[in-house]
Amino acid sequence: MSTGSGTKSDPWQLTTAPGTSEYTMYRDDSSEPPSLVCQVGSTKLLYAARAIEDLRRWLEAQGDWVPLGSADEGKAAADGTVEWFGRWDGNPVGGWYGLRRGYRGRFGMYLPPLLEALGLAVLTHDPRNNSIRAV
C-alpha cells in the first residue's frame, strides 16, 4: 500500500512487489518531459510521467496477467514483460521511458507498484516472478 499524494513534498511511499524494498516516487510536471522521480536509497531514477497511462493502456490490451520482468538497463528484458514494454521501440514513446542514461532500467520493478497504489492495476506479491494486470 502507498501513502503520499505524489508531490515532491509528499511523495508516494511505495514497496516493491515482493515487499523487500521501500522507495519513494513523485510526479514532476515542471520537467521536460514531465517525469516521475523515483528515489531508491541514494539512487535517483527518472521515468516519463506518461508511462502511467501508457502502461495501463498496454496492460488492458494484454487482457491478462503480465510478468514484471525487471532488469537493469544493460541487461536484456524478456519479451512480453512490463520491463520489455518500458524499452520496446513499439511503445508510445518509441523506446525507453527511463530518462536518465545508465539508470533507464528497472521499469518493471518500480512502475507496477505505483499503478497498484493508484488503483489502476493489481500485482501479485510473491517472493519472485511477480505479475500485474489492469483492473
Protein backbone atom coordinates (compact mmCIF):
# COMPACT_ATOMS: atom_id res chain seq x y z
CA MET A 1 0.00 0.00 0.00
CA SER A 2 1.11 3.55 -0.58
CA THR A 3 0.88 6.79 1.28
CA GLY A 4 1.59 10.28 -0.02
CA SER A 5 -0.01 12.43 -2.66
CA GLY A 6 2.74 12.14 -5.29
CA THR A 7 4.24 15.61 -4.92
CA LYS A 8 7.88 16.41 -4.16
CA SER A 9 6.95 17.47 -0.62
CA ASP A 10 4.64 14.46 -0.11
CA PRO A 11 5.91 11.63 -2.36
CA TRP A 12 4.24 8.28 -2.75
CA GLN A 13 5.79 5.81 -0.29
CA LEU A 14 5.95 2.53 -2.20
CA THR A 15 7.20 -1.02 -1.76
CA THR A 16 8.39 -3.37 -4.50
CA ALA A 17 6.04 -6.25 -5.40
CA PRO A 18 7.83 -8.82 -3.18
CA GLY A 19 7.73 -6.31 -0.32
CA THR A 20 11.52 -6.35 0.09
CA SER A 21 12.42 -2.73 -0.73
CA GLU A 22 10.85 0.63 0.01
CA TYR A 23 11.19 3.67 -2.24
CA THR A 24 9.52 6.99 -2.96
CA MET A 25 8.17 8.43 -6.17
CA TYR A 26 6.66 11.76 -7.12
CA ARG A 27 5.49 13.49 -10.27
CA ASP A 28 7.46 16.48 -11.53
CA ASP A 29 5.38 18.33 -14.09
CA SER A 30 7.91 21.19 -14.26
CA SER A 31 10.47 18.98 -16.06
CA GLU A 32 10.54 18.46 -19.81
CA PRO A 33 9.11 15.95 -20.42
CA PRO A 34 7.04 15.69 -17.22
CA SER A 35 8.66 12.97 -15.16
CA LEU A 36 8.30 10.54 -12.31
CA VAL A 37 11.18 10.87 -9.86
CA CYS A 38 11.92 7.54 -8.20
CA GLN A 39 14.25 7.64 -5.19
CA VAL A 40 15.68 4.28 -4.13
CA GLY A 41 18.15 4.86 -1.31
CA SER A 42 20.73 7.25 -2.77
CA THR A 43 19.83 6.35 -6.39
CA LYS A 44 17.50 8.59 -8.39
CA LEU A 45 15.72 7.15 -11.41
CA LEU A 46 13.60 9.23 -13.78
CA TYR A 47 10.78 7.94 -15.95
CA ALA A 48 8.48 9.79 -18.34
CA ALA A 49 5.27 10.57 -16.41
CA ARG A 50 3.15 9.44 -19.36
CA ALA A 51 4.32 5.90 -18.52
CA ILE A 52 1.46 5.62 -16.00
CA GLU A 53 -1.30 5.88 -18.61
CA ASP A 54 0.67 4.21 -21.40
CA LEU A 55 1.43 1.17 -19.24
CA ARG A 56 -2.18 0.99 -18.02
CA ARG A 57 -3.48 1.00 -21.61
CA TRP A 58 -0.96 -1.65 -22.67
CA LEU A 59 -1.91 -3.87 -19.71
CA GLU A 60 -5.59 -3.51 -20.61
CA ALA A 61 -4.79 -4.58 -24.18
CA GLN A 62 -2.96 -7.67 -22.87
CA GLY A 63 -6.14 -8.72 -21.06
CA ASP A 64 -4.41 -10.99 -18.53
CA TRP A 65 -1.53 -11.23 -16.09
CA VAL A 66 1.80 -9.91 -17.43
CA PRO A 67 5.15 -10.77 -15.79
CA LEU A 68 7.10 -7.80 -14.41
CA GLY A 69 10.50 -8.94 -15.69
CA SER A 70 12.60 -6.22 -14.05
CA ALA A 71 16.16 -5.76 -15.39
CA ASP A 72 18.91 -3.15 -15.27
CA GLU A 73 19.42 -1.01 -18.37
CA GLY A 74 22.42 -3.03 -19.58
CA LYS A 75 20.59 -6.37 -19.40
CA ALA A 76 18.06 -7.73 -21.86
CA ALA A 77 14.38 -7.74 -20.91
CA ALA A 78 12.29 -10.86 -21.52
CA ASP A 79 9.76 -10.37 -24.34
CA GLY A 80 6.23 -9.50 -23.28
CA THR A 81 7.15 -8.34 -19.76
CA VAL A 82 6.49 -4.92 -18.24
CA GLU A 83 10.26 -4.27 -18.41
CA TRP A 84 10.23 -5.10 -22.12
CA PHE A 85 7.33 -2.68 -22.70
CA GLY A 86 9.30 0.06 -20.91
CA ARG A 87 12.06 -0.09 -23.54
CA TRP A 88 10.30 -1.54 -26.61
CA ASP A 89 10.62 0.56 -29.76
CA GLY A 90 6.92 -0.10 -30.49
CA ASN A 91 5.62 1.56 -27.30
CA PRO A 92 4.05 5.05 -27.45
CA VAL A 93 7.40 6.84 -26.85
CA GLY A 94 9.29 4.61 -29.28
CA GLY A 95 11.73 3.22 -26.72
CA TRP A 96 12.89 3.93 -23.20
CA TYR A 97 10.54 5.51 -20.64
CA GLY A 98 13.62 5.84 -18.41
CA LEU A 99 15.08 9.34 -18.81
CA ARG A 100 18.43 9.08 -17.02
CA ARG A 101 21.05 7.31 -19.12
CA GLY A 102 22.60 4.40 -17.26
CA TYR A 103 19.53 4.23 -14.97
CA ARG A 104 16.75 3.66 -17.51
CA GLY A 105 16.01 0.08 -16.49
CA ARG A 106 14.02 -1.34 -13.56
CA PHE A 107 10.79 -0.06 -15.13
CA GLY A 108 9.23 -3.44 -14.30
CA MET A 109 10.20 -3.10 -10.65
CA TYR A 110 9.22 0.47 -9.82
CA LEU A 111 6.24 1.37 -12.06
CA PRO A 112 3.88 -1.54 -11.26
CA PRO A 113 3.56 -0.78 -7.51
CA LEU A 114 2.65 2.81 -8.42
CA LEU A 115 -0.10 1.63 -10.77
CA GLU A 116 -1.42 -0.59 -7.98
CA ALA A 117 -1.33 2.29 -5.47
CA LEU A 118 -3.27 4.46 -7.94
CA GLY A 119 -5.92 1.73 -8.33
CA LEU A 120 -5.09 1.10 -11.99
CA ALA A 121 -3.75 -2.45 -11.64
CA VAL A 122 -3.26 -5.34 -9.24
CA LEU A 123 0.01 -7.13 -8.53
CA THR A 124 0.98 -10.48 -7.18
CA HIS A 125 3.22 -10.18 -4.12
CA ASP A 126 5.29 -13.36 -4.18
CA PRO A 127 9.00 -13.58 -3.25
CA ARG A 128 9.85 -13.57 -7.00
CA ASN A 129 8.39 -13.74 -10.53
CA ASN A 130 5.51 -11.34 -9.87
CA SER A 131 2.88 -10.29 -12.39
CA ILE A 132 0.45 -7.41 -12.93
CA ARG A 133 -2.89 -6.97 -14.62
CA ALA A 134 -5.09 -3.95 -15.28
CA VAL A 135 -8.29 -3.53 -13.27
